[in-house]
């Protein structure tokens, strides 16, 4: 019987198939074996000689919080440059803008009547100071008035008083505590009451004719000696600490427990008095920086792999998990790479961004200022949601991301990669952290998303974001992962292709704010 052309091709493929598969298998094994010494060295170094605890102490306990425009932010920039140079990694501070300069001073807040008690409180960022004065005065609660006309008629009552402008929370216990111990009926009742109170307080503010932002200014203009707030973070003993809107008098966040006590005493007619002394300094216009470090590429120096984390923080705590842990993860990854991969194929950069908290400004400025890097970016890996080990990696909407991210993850030891859930193609990040600045211009920026560790309630932007909340075992995991992904991305023979998935809404580029806080 005559053999057809198709049958001949089939017979040939059946004969060569085992050979092809063998070559592919050997190639994969060879590739894995060639990567293994670097991967193993990174694992061993981080397991036995991690520098994370030492750096955390220096940065969180020593330098402290890193609010944009403060001397501590610049001190942190200089500390990072010196640390990199001690590892023989070139680094520099790159100016991207200017900000309102401000420095926090000491605060003393005490109730002096009807009894004496030191109060937990924090003046908000950029709050006006009181110089060397101490003010002792009574308290008045923002009343529930009919409308803005009634508010204007009442406004003179605030003269010489501290004004409470936040709702008194019905409970200081977080919901998980109620859920564990309360009856269902009791828990539901509390939640319903809290919702009613929250809505009523929102309307109370609205009926003044002002907003949460403009009301404090109206009160200080009317003669209030200070503004008292409470921004409870839904956890035991924890508040979120943001910025002040007042221009003359201090704005102070009073801890939930003490705020509730002062509110109830005032409401019941006990007429409490408090003594407040807060200091701060206005420093004029100051320059703001990103800290950039580099390990130069040996074969493709004009292609780039980037590690990324924002360096600034709010300053109620010390910015330990937002984003000190991301910062240290990337610094430690760079140390590991310099030691065990000193001559990468592509240039490896790390960006420690300024003013992320005010709108991704440092990374947005970098994207604007360095189109040559953005254009030739192999991949960027960013970490910024707390101390937990990385458990999620998404493709940010790029069609080919599944191919190359899966390929790079294959080299990561099972103890790390098996905990990571991948999502492809994923959806592009429109904000939230600095990888989004790169995604907005079509560059391959990826978020290394980590376990929660009660981040939202207990450490994100709070007065409890401190060294003791860091989980160093998880941080070591993340430093190894970041270093390994950067290594694999650098070694990949192919340049990444980043085709946008159709049918997805893609973010647009937003310009960086280059001069901030100067209208205060």
Protein backbone atom coordinates (compact mmCIF):
# COMPACT_ATOMS: atom_id res chain seq x y z
CA UNK A 1 0.00 0.00 0.00
CA UNK A 2 1.32 3.44 -0.92
CA UNK A 3 2.10 5.67 2.06
CA UNK A 4 0.46 9.09 1.91
CA UNK A 5 2.36 12.35 2.50
CA UNK A 6 0.41 12.95 5.70
CA UNK A 7 1.16 9.44 6.98
CA UNK A 8 4.87 9.95 6.23
CA UNK A 9 4.95 13.15 8.23
CA UNK A 10 3.15 11.45 11.09
CA UNK A 11 5.58 8.53 11.10
CA UNK A 12 8.53 10.93 11.08
CA UNK A 13 7.12 12.94 14.00
CA UNK A 14 6.53 9.73 15.99
CA UNK A 15 10.20 8.80 15.47
CA UNK A 16 11.65 12.20 16.43
CA UNK A 17 9.19 13.06 19.19
CA UNK A 18 11.09 11.25 21.97
CA UNK A 19 14.28 13.02 20.89
CA UNK A 20 12.62 16.46 20.91
CA UNK A 21 11.07 15.86 24.30
CA UNK A 22 14.41 14.68 25.60
CA UNK A 23 16.15 17.81 24.36
CA UNK A 24 13.42 20.01 25.92
CA UNK A 25 13.65 18.13 29.20
CA UNK A 26 17.41 18.34 29.29
CA UNK A 27 17.26 22.02 28.43
CA UNK A 28 14.81 22.63 31.28
CA UNK A 29 16.96 20.64 33.68
CA UNK A 30 20.08 22.46 32.53
CA UNK A 31 18.36 25.79 32.97
CA UNK A 32 17.21 24.86 36.46
CA UNK A 33 20.66 23.58 37.33
CA UNK A 34 22.31 26.77 36.08
CA UNK A 35 19.98 28.86 38.23
CA UNK A 36 20.33 26.66 41.29
CA UNK A 37 23.63 27.99 42.72
CA UNK A 38 22.38 31.59 42.82
CA UNK A 39 18.96 30.59 44.17
CA UNK A 40 20.53 28.35 46.82
CA UNK A 41 23.00 31.05 47.85
CA UNK A 42 20.20 33.61 48.25
CA UNK A 43 18.26 31.16 50.42
CA UNK A 44 21.25 30.30 52.58
CA UNK A 45 22.38 33.91 53.06
CA UNK A 46 18.94 35.17 54.04
CA UNK A 47 18.32 32.22 56.34
CA UNK A 48 21.65 32.49 58.15
CA UNK A 49 22.79 36.09 57.82
CA UNK A 50 19.73 38.30 57.36
CA UNK A 51 20.26 42.02 57.95
CA UNK A 52 16.57 42.81 58.29
CA UNK A 53 16.37 43.14 62.09
CA UNK A 54 19.40 45.41 62.18
CA UNK A 55 18.07 47.64 59.43
CA UNK A 56 14.60 47.74 60.99
CA UNK A 57 16.05 48.96 64.27
CA UNK A 58 18.11 51.62 62.54
CA UNK A 59 15.26 52.87 60.39
CA UNK A 60 12.19 52.53 62.63
CA UNK A 61 13.69 53.14 66.08
CA UNK A 62 16.50 55.44 65.01
CA UNK A 63 15.26 57.56 62.10
CA UNK A 64 11.58 57.06 62.88
CA UNK A 65 8.59 58.12 60.75
CA UNK A 66 9.17 59.56 57.30
CA UNK A 67 6.50 62.15 56.58
CA UNK A 68 7.17 63.98 53.33
CA UNK A 69 8.75 67.37 53.96
CA UNK A 70 10.22 66.47 57.35
CA UNK A 71 13.91 66.25 58.32
CA UNK A 72 13.34 62.57 59.13
CA UNK A 73 12.43 61.87 55.49
CA UNK A 74 15.71 63.35 54.29
CA UNK A 75 17.58 61.54 57.07
CA UNK A 76 16.05 58.28 55.83
CA UNK A 77 17.09 59.06 52.24
CA UNK A 78 20.67 59.65 53.37
CA UNK A 79 20.63 56.54 55.59
CA UNK A 80 19.60 54.36 52.64
CA UNK A 81 22.29 55.81 50.36
CA UNK A 82 24.94 55.15 53.01
CA UNK A 83 23.65 51.61 53.55
CA UNK A 84 23.81 50.81 49.85
CA UNK A 85 27.28 52.24 49.54
CA UNK A 86 28.40 50.03 52.44
CA UNK A 87 27.40 47.10 50.21
CA UNK A 88 29.26 48.59 47.23
CA UNK A 89 26.01 49.41 45.46
CA UNK A 90 25.96 52.87 43.86
CA UNK A 91 23.03 54.93 45.15
CA UNK A 92 21.86 58.52 45.11
CA UNK A 93 19.00 60.77 46.12
CA UNK A 94 17.18 62.15 43.10
CA UNK A 95 15.17 65.34 43.60
CA UNK A 96 11.70 65.21 42.09
CA UNK A 97 9.85 68.09 43.77
CA UNK A 98 9.32 70.37 46.76
CA UNK A 99 7.05 70.18 49.78
CA UNK A 100 5.94 72.09 52.82
CA UNK A 101 8.68 71.56 55.38
CA UNK A 102 7.46 70.69 58.86
CA UNK A 103 8.87 69.04 61.98
CA UNK A 104 6.90 67.46 64.80
CA UNK A 105 7.75 68.55 68.34
CA UNK A 106 6.75 67.34 71.80
CA UNK A 107 3.13 67.06 72.94
CA UNK A 108 1.61 66.98 76.42
CA UNK A 109 -2.14 66.50 76.76
CA UNK A 110 -3.73 66.21 80.21
CA UNK A 111 -7.16 66.42 81.75
CA UNK A 112 -6.94 68.70 84.80
CA UNK A 113 -10.62 68.77 85.84
CA UNK A 114 -12.76 67.15 87.19
CA UNK A 115 -9.73 64.97 87.95
CA UNK A 116 -6.19 64.70 86.73
CA UNK A 117 -5.35 62.23 83.98
CA UNK A 118 -2.71 62.19 81.25
CA UNK A 119 -4.44 61.62 77.91
CA UNK A 120 -3.32 59.63 74.90
CA UNK A 121 -3.25 61.95 71.93
CA UNK A 122 -1.22 62.91 68.86
CA UNK A 123 -1.16 66.22 67.06
CA UNK A 124 -1.90 65.61 63.41
CA UNK A 125 0.74 65.99 60.74
CA UNK A 126 1.43 69.59 59.70
CA UNK A 127 -0.52 70.85 62.72
CA UNK A 128 0.36 74.40 63.81
CA UNK A 129 2.39 74.43 67.00
CA UNK A 130 1.77 76.46 70.14
CA UNK A 131 5.32 77.67 70.62
CA UNK A 132 6.20 77.55 74.31
CA UNK A 133 2.61 78.18 75.41
CA UNK A 134 0.40 75.73 77.27
CA UNK A 135 -3.34 76.27 76.93
CA UNK A 136 -5.80 75.15 79.60
CA UNK A 137 -9.43 75.44 78.59
CA UNK A 138 -12.84 73.85 78.62
CA UNK A 139 -14.40 71.70 75.91
CA UNK A 140 -17.42 72.14 73.69
CA UNK A 141 -18.99 69.52 71.43
CA UNK A 142 -20.08 70.41 67.90
CA UNK A 143 -23.88 70.55 68.31
CA UNK A 144 -26.57 69.15 66.04
CA UNK A 145 -28.08 72.32 64.59
CA UNK A 146 -30.82 72.89 62.06
CA UNK A 147 -28.74 74.42 59.29
CA UNK A 148 -25.78 76.64 58.40
CA UNK A 149 -27.62 79.77 59.62
CA UNK A 150 -28.06 78.24 63.06
CA UNK A 151 -24.40 77.19 63.02
CA UNK A 152 -23.26 80.75 62.33
CA UNK A 153 -25.40 81.97 65.21
CA UNK A 154 -23.85 79.38 67.53
CA UNK A 155 -20.26 79.78 66.32
CA UNK A 156 -19.20 82.44 68.86
CA UNK A 157 -19.57 79.82 71.63
CA UNK A 158 -16.30 78.18 70.60
CA UNK A 159 -14.14 81.15 71.60
CA UNK A 160 -11.54 80.11 74.15
CA UNK A 161 -12.50 76.42 74.02
CA UNK A 162 -11.34 73.15 72.54
CA UNK A 163 -13.94 71.85 70.09
CA UNK A 164 -14.75 68.13 69.67
CA UNK A 165 -15.73 67.45 66.05
CA UNK A 166 -15.76 63.62 65.92
CA UNK A 167 -18.48 61.20 66.86
CA UNK A 168 -18.25 59.39 70.19
CA UNK A 169 -18.00 55.71 69.20
CA UNK A 170 -20.50 53.38 70.89
CA UNK A 171 -17.84 50.72 71.46
CA UNK A 172 -14.07 50.45 71.55
CA UNK A 173 -14.19 46.74 70.84
CA UNK A 174 -13.49 45.64 67.27
CA UNK A 175 -16.20 43.72 65.47
CA UNK A 176 -14.28 40.43 65.61
CA UNK A 177 -14.40 40.66 69.43
CA UNK A 178 -18.16 41.21 69.40
CA UNK A 179 -18.62 38.37 66.93
CA UNK A 180 -16.70 35.98 69.16
CA UNK A 181 -18.41 36.76 72.46
CA UNK A 182 -21.70 38.63 71.96
CA UNK A 183 -25.08 37.15 71.22
CA UNK A 184 -26.16 37.58 67.63
CA UNK A 185 -28.93 39.90 68.77
CA UNK A 186 -26.54 42.08 70.78
CA UNK A 187 -24.00 42.30 67.96
CA UNK A 188 -26.67 43.21 65.41
CA UNK A 189 -28.13 45.82 67.75
CA UNK A 190 -24.73 47.47 68.26
CA UNK A 191 -24.01 47.58 64.53
CA UNK A 192 -27.40 49.09 63.80
CA UNK A 193 -26.95 51.76 66.48
CA UNK A 194 -23.47 52.57 65.21
CA UNK A 195 -24.71 52.95 61.64
CA UNK A 196 -27.47 55.32 62.78
CA UNK A 197 -24.98 57.35 64.84
CA UNK A 198 -22.46 57.53 62.00
CA UNK A 199 -25.08 58.74 59.52
CA UNK A 200 -26.39 61.28 62.02
CA UNK A 201 -22.89 62.66 62.67
CA UNK A 202 -22.20 62.96 58.96
CA UNK A 203 -25.39 65.02 58.63
CA UNK A 204 -24.40 67.08 61.68
CA UNK A 205 -21.19 68.11 59.90
CA UNK A 206 -23.01 68.76 56.62
CA UNK A 207 -25.62 71.02 58.25
CA UNK A 208 -22.89 73.42 59.38
CA UNK A 209 -22.33 74.32 55.74
CA UNK A 210 -18.75 73.10 55.95
CA UNK A 211 -16.88 69.86 55.29
CA UNK A 212 -14.51 67.82 57.43
CA UNK A 213 -11.73 69.78 55.73
CA UNK A 214 -13.14 73.31 56.03
CA UNK A 215 -14.89 73.06 59.42
CA UNK A 216 -11.69 73.16 61.52
CA UNK A 217 -10.63 76.37 59.75
CA UNK A 218 -14.01 78.00 60.47
CA UNK A 219 -13.75 77.03 64.14
CA UNK A 220 -10.25 78.42 64.60
CA UNK A 221 -11.28 81.67 62.91
CA UNK A 222 -14.10 81.94 65.45
CA UNK A 223 -11.63 81.74 68.32
CA UNK A 224 -11.34 78.04 69.21
CA UNK A 225 -8.03 77.28 70.94
CA UNK A 226 -7.77 73.81 69.42
CA UNK A 227 -9.61 71.06 67.55
CA UNK A 228 -10.09 67.60 69.08
CA UNK A 229 -10.74 64.63 66.81
CA UNK A 230 -10.88 60.87 67.00
CA UNK A 231 -10.25 58.74 63.92
CA UNK A 232 -10.73 55.26 65.35
CA UNK A 233 -9.26 52.44 63.27
CA UNK A 234 -11.70 49.74 64.44
CA UNK A 235 -9.17 47.94 66.64
CA UNK A 236 -8.22 47.96 70.31
CA UNK A 237 -6.43 51.22 71.17
CA UNK A 238 -5.63 52.25 67.62
CA UNK A 239 -6.31 55.45 65.67
CA UNK A 240 -5.42 56.62 62.19
CA UNK A 241 -3.24 59.73 62.17
CA UNK A 242 -3.45 61.93 59.09
CA UNK A 243 -2.97 65.64 58.46
CA UNK A 244 -4.36 68.82 60.04
CA UNK A 245 -6.33 71.47 58.19
CA UNK A 246 -6.00 74.22 60.78
CA UNK A 247 -3.58 77.07 60.13
CA UNK A 248 -3.37 78.73 63.56
CA UNK A 249 -4.37 76.36 66.37
CA UNK A 250 -3.42 72.71 66.91
CA UNK A 251 -5.50 69.75 65.78
CA UNK A 252 -5.09 66.78 68.11
CA UNK A 253 -6.34 63.22 67.72
CA UNK A 254 -7.38 61.95 71.15
CA UNK A 255 -7.32 58.17 71.59
CA UNK A 256 -10.72 56.48 71.50
CA UNK A 257 -10.91 55.70 75.19
CA UNK A 258 -9.95 59.20 76.33
CA UNK A 259 -12.00 60.92 73.63
CA UNK A 260 -15.11 59.04 74.74
CA UNK A 261 -14.46 59.95 78.38
CA UNK A 262 -14.08 63.67 77.55
CA UNK A 263 -17.18 63.57 75.35
CA UNK A 264 -19.35 61.95 78.02
CA UNK A 265 -18.11 64.30 80.74
CA UNK A 266 -18.82 67.30 78.55
CA UNK A 267 -22.22 65.98 77.47
CA UNK A 268 -23.26 65.29 81.07
CA UNK A 269 -22.37 68.78 82.25
CA UNK A 270 -19.22 67.90 84.22
CA UNK A 271 -17.29 70.61 82.32
CA UNK A 272 -13.90 68.93 81.95
CA UNK A 273 -10.83 71.04 81.32
CA UNK A 274 -7.73 69.94 79.50
CA UNK A 275 -4.21 71.29 79.31
CA UNK A 276 -2.53 71.06 75.91
CA UNK A 277 1.03 71.84 74.88
CA UNK A 278 2.10 70.94 71.34
CA UNK A 279 5.19 72.05 69.49
CA UNK A 280 6.05 71.94 65.81
CA UNK A 281 8.22 73.88 63.38
CA UNK A 282 7.48 75.24 59.94
CA UNK A 283 10.58 74.77 57.78
CA UNK A 284 9.54 76.57 54.61
CA UNK A 285 9.87 74.91 51.22
CA UNK A 286 12.10 71.82 51.23
CA UNK A 287 13.28 69.55 48.40
CA UNK A 288 11.88 66.02 48.15
CA UNK A 289 13.74 62.97 46.87
CA UNK A 290 13.54 59.42 45.61
CA UNK A 291 16.42 57.15 46.62
CA UNK A 292 17.69 55.12 43.65
CA UNK A 293 20.29 52.33 43.74
CA UNK A 294 21.75 50.37 40.84
CA UNK A 295 23.56 47.17 39.96
CA UNK A 296 24.75 47.77 36.39
CA UNK A 297 23.93 45.23 33.71
CA UNK A 298 26.81 43.44 31.98
CA UNK A 299 25.16 42.35 28.71
CA UNK A 300 22.03 44.48 28.35
CA UNK A 301 22.71 47.52 30.55
CA UNK A 302 19.98 49.54 28.82
CA UNK A 303 17.27 47.10 29.81
CA UNK A 304 16.03 47.25 33.38
CA UNK A 305 14.62 45.14 36.19
CA UNK A 306 13.27 47.21 39.08
CA UNK A 307 12.50 46.61 42.72
CA UNK A 308 10.11 49.13 44.21
CA UNK A 309 8.71 50.35 47.54
CA UNK A 310 7.65 53.71 48.87
CA UNK A 311 9.89 55.20 51.54
CA UNK A 312 7.63 57.84 53.09
CA UNK A 313 5.04 57.24 55.78
CA UNK A 314 2.48 58.94 57.94
CA UNK A 315 3.94 59.78 61.33
CA UNK A 316 1.52 58.60 64.03
CA UNK A 317 3.78 55.55 64.45
CA UNK A 318 7.13 54.91 62.80
CA UNK A 319 5.92 53.68 59.42
CA UNK A 320 7.09 50.15 60.15
CA UNK A 321 4.65 48.17 57.99
CA UNK A 322 3.65 51.06 55.73
CA UNK A 323 5.98 50.89 54.11
CA UNK A 324 9.09 50.21 56.11
CA UNK A 325 8.72 46.47 55.55
CA UNK A 326 8.47 46.92 51.79
CA UNK A 327 11.48 49.23 51.89
CA UNK A 328 13.61 46.75 53.83
CA UNK A 329 12.45 43.85 51.65
CA UNK A 330 13.84 45.58 48.58
CA UNK A 331 17.02 46.77 50.29
CA UNK A 332 17.75 43.26 51.51
CA UNK A 333 16.99 41.83 48.07
CA UNK A 334 19.52 44.23 46.55
CA UNK A 335 22.12 43.18 49.13
CA UNK A 336 21.54 39.52 48.25
CA UNK A 337 21.77 40.22 44.53
CA UNK A 338 24.97 42.24 44.86
CA UNK A 339 26.59 39.45 46.86
CA UNK A 340 25.55 36.49 44.69
CA UNK A 341 24.70 38.05 41.33
CA UNK A 342 27.08 41.00 41.07
CA UNK A 343 27.13 41.12 37.25
CA UNK A 344 23.52 40.83 36.11
CA UNK A 345 22.68 40.65 32.43
CA UNK A 346 20.27 43.56 32.73
CA UNK A 347 20.63 46.58 35.00
CA UNK A 348 18.82 46.07 38.30
CA UNK A 349 17.43 49.23 39.90
CA UNK A 350 15.59 49.84 43.13
CA UNK A 351 13.32 52.83 43.67
CA UNK A 352 12.45 54.05 47.16
CA UNK A 353 9.73 56.55 46.43
CA UNK A 354 8.79 59.75 48.23
CA UNK A 355 5.26 61.07 48.86
CA UNK A 356 3.40 57.91 47.92
CA UNK A 357 0.95 58.72 50.70
CA UNK A 358 -0.07 61.97 49.03
CA UNK A 359 -0.69 60.41 45.60
CA UNK A 360 2.19 58.22 44.31
CA UNK A 361 4.09 61.43 43.61
CA UNK A 362 7.66 60.11 43.73
CA UNK A 363 7.05 57.18 41.39
CA UNK A 364 4.87 59.25 39.07
CA UNK A 365 7.68 61.79 38.83
CA UNK A 366 10.19 59.01 38.07
CA UNK A 367 8.00 57.71 35.26
CA UNK A 368 7.80 61.23 33.81
CA UNK A 369 11.52 61.90 34.19
CA UNK A 370 12.88 58.56 32.93
CA UNK A 371 11.06 57.46 29.77
CA UNK A 372 14.19 55.61 28.65
CA UNK A 373 13.93 53.29 31.67
CA UNK A 374 10.17 52.85 31.45
CA UNK A 375 10.43 51.99 27.75
CA UNK A 376 13.04 49.30 28.38
CA UNK A 377 11.61 47.89 31.59
CA UNK A 378 11.74 44.11 31.80
CA UNK A 379 9.63 44.06 34.97
CA UNK A 380 9.07 45.96 38.21
CA UNK A 381 8.18 44.30 41.51
CA UNK A 382 6.58 46.43 44.23
CA UNK A 383 5.65 45.53 47.81
CA UNK A 384 3.42 47.74 49.95
CA UNK A 385 0.71 46.12 52.01
CA UNK A 386 2.26 45.17 55.28
CA UNK A 387 4.60 42.73 56.91
CA UNK A 388 3.02 39.46 55.73
CA UNK A 389 4.57 36.97 53.34
CA UNK A 390 3.66 37.41 49.68
CA UNK A 391 0.69 35.26 48.68
CA UNK A 392 -0.69 36.91 45.52
CA UNK A 393 0.78 37.88 42.17
CA UNK A 394 -1.42 39.05 39.31
CA UNK A 395 -0.61 39.79 35.67
CA UNK A 396 -1.96 43.38 35.76
CA UNK A 397 -3.91 42.78 32.57
CA UNK A 398 -0.93 41.95 30.34
CA UNK A 399 -1.54 39.07 27.93
CA UNK A 400 1.99 37.61 28.06
CA UNK A 401 2.52 38.06 31.83
CA UNK A 402 1.41 34.48 32.50
CA UNK A 403 4.24 33.14 30.36
CA UNK A 404 7.15 35.05 31.82
CA UNK A 405 6.00 35.35 35.44
CA UNK A 406 5.28 31.61 35.55
CA UNK A 407 8.68 30.93 34.00
CA UNK A 408 10.45 33.06 36.61
CA UNK A 409 8.47 31.62 39.51
CA UNK A 410 9.42 28.11 38.43
CA UNK A 411 12.95 28.72 39.75
CA UNK A 412 11.70 29.80 43.19
CA UNK A 413 11.81 27.05 45.84
CA UNK A 414 8.51 25.33 46.57
CA UNK A 415 8.49 26.56 50.17
CA UNK A 416 8.04 30.09 48.82
CA UNK A 417 6.22 29.78 45.50
CA UNK A 418 3.63 27.21 46.60
CA UNK A 419 2.11 29.82 48.92
CA UNK A 420 1.59 32.25 46.04
CA UNK A 421 -1.69 32.41 44.14
CA UNK A 422 -1.28 33.73 40.61
CA UNK A 423 -4.04 35.41 38.61
CA UNK A 424 -3.77 35.91 34.86
CA UNK A 425 -4.20 38.12 33.05
CA UNK A 426 -5.52 40.02 36.05
CA UNK A 427 -6.68 43.62 35.94
CA UNK A 428 -4.44 46.70 35.84
CA UNK A 429 -3.93 48.56 39.09
CA UNK A 430 -5.19 52.12 38.90
CA UNK A 431 -3.72 53.29 42.18
CA UNK A 432 -3.04 52.05 45.68
CA UNK A 433 0.72 51.83 45.36
CA UNK A 434 3.63 52.74 43.15
CA UNK A 435 3.48 49.85 40.66
CA UNK A 436 0.36 51.59 39.33
CA UNK A 437 2.46 54.56 38.18
CA UNK A 438 4.19 52.21 35.75
CA UNK A 439 1.07 50.27 34.70
CA UNK A 440 -0.56 53.60 33.78
CA UNK A 441 2.00 54.04 30.99
CA UNK A 442 1.85 50.42 29.82
CA UNK A 443 4.98 49.24 31.63
CA UNK A 444 5.13 45.84 33.39
CA UNK A 445 4.75 46.79 37.05
CA UNK A 446 3.62 44.06 39.45
CA UNK A 447 2.44 44.04 43.05
CA UNK A 448 3.80 41.42 45.46
CA UNK A 449 0.69 41.28 47.60
CA UNK A 450 1.04 39.92 51.11
CA UNK A 451 -0.95 38.38 53.94
CA UNK A 452 -3.08 40.77 55.96
CA UNK A 453 -1.84 40.49 59.56
CA UNK A 454 -4.69 42.90 60.55
CA UNK A 455 -2.99 45.55 58.45
CA UNK A 456 -6.06 47.66 57.67
CA UNK A 457 -7.17 48.12 61.26
CA UNK A 458 -3.99 47.94 63.30
CA UNK A 459 -1.03 49.28 61.37
CA UNK A 460 -2.09 51.01 58.13
CA UNK A 461 -1.65 54.75 58.81
CA UNK A 462 -2.02 54.28 62.56
CA UNK A 463 -0.34 55.22 65.82
CA UNK A 464 0.57 51.53 66.29
CA UNK A 465 2.63 51.04 63.12
CA UNK A 466 5.88 50.27 64.92
CA UNK A 467 8.83 47.85 64.98
CA UNK A 468 7.06 45.31 67.21
CA UNK A 469 4.44 44.64 64.49
CA UNK A 470 7.03 43.33 62.01
CA UNK A 471 7.01 39.57 61.34
CA UNK A 472 10.61 38.99 60.33
CA UNK A 473 10.17 35.40 59.12
CA UNK A 474 7.67 36.66 56.56
CA UNK A 475 9.97 39.52 55.64
CA UNK A 476 12.83 37.09 54.99
CA UNK A 477 10.51 35.13 52.70
CA UNK A 478 9.72 38.29 50.76
CA UNK A 479 13.33 39.43 50.44
CA UNK A 480 14.30 36.05 48.99
CA UNK A 481 11.35 36.10 46.59
CA UNK A 482 12.10 39.63 45.36
CA UNK A 483 15.76 38.80 44.81
CA UNK A 484 14.94 35.59 42.95
CA UNK A 485 12.37 37.22 40.68
CA UNK A 486 14.78 40.04 39.87
CA UNK A 487 17.49 37.49 39.11
CA UNK A 488 15.27 35.43 36.83
CA UNK A 489 13.92 38.51 35.04
CA UNK A 490 17.45 39.71 34.44
CA UNK A 491 18.62 36.32 33.12
CA UNK A 492 15.69 35.74 30.79
CA UNK A 493 16.98 35.68 27.18
CA UNK A 494 13.80 37.33 25.95
CA UNK A 495 12.63 40.89 26.51
CA UNK A 496 9.13 40.93 27.97
CA UNK A 497 6.25 41.78 25.66
CA UNK A 498 3.32 43.50 27.33
CA UNK A 499 0.18 43.40 25.23
CA UNK A 500 -2.84 44.89 26.97
CA UNK A 501 -5.80 42.56 27.34
CA UNK A 502 -8.74 43.86 25.36
CA UNK A 503 -12.03 44.64 27.07
CA UNK A 504 -10.38 45.90 30.25
CA UNK A 505 -10.52 49.51 31.39
CA UNK A 506 -6.94 50.71 31.59
CA UNK A 507 -5.82 53.55 33.88
CA UNK A 508 -4.47 56.77 32.44
CA UNK A 509 -1.26 58.46 33.50
CA UNK A 510 -1.61 61.04 36.28
CA UNK A 511 0.98 63.76 36.65
CA UNK A 512 2.99 63.98 39.86
CA UNK A 513 2.33 66.82 42.29
CA UNK A 514 5.74 68.49 42.31
CA UNK A 515 4.95 71.19 44.92
CA UNK A 516 2.84 69.97 47.83
CA UNK A 517 1.32 71.31 51.01
CA UNK A 518 2.28 74.89 50.19
CA UNK A 519 -1.26 76.23 50.30
CA UNK A 520 -1.55 75.52 54.01
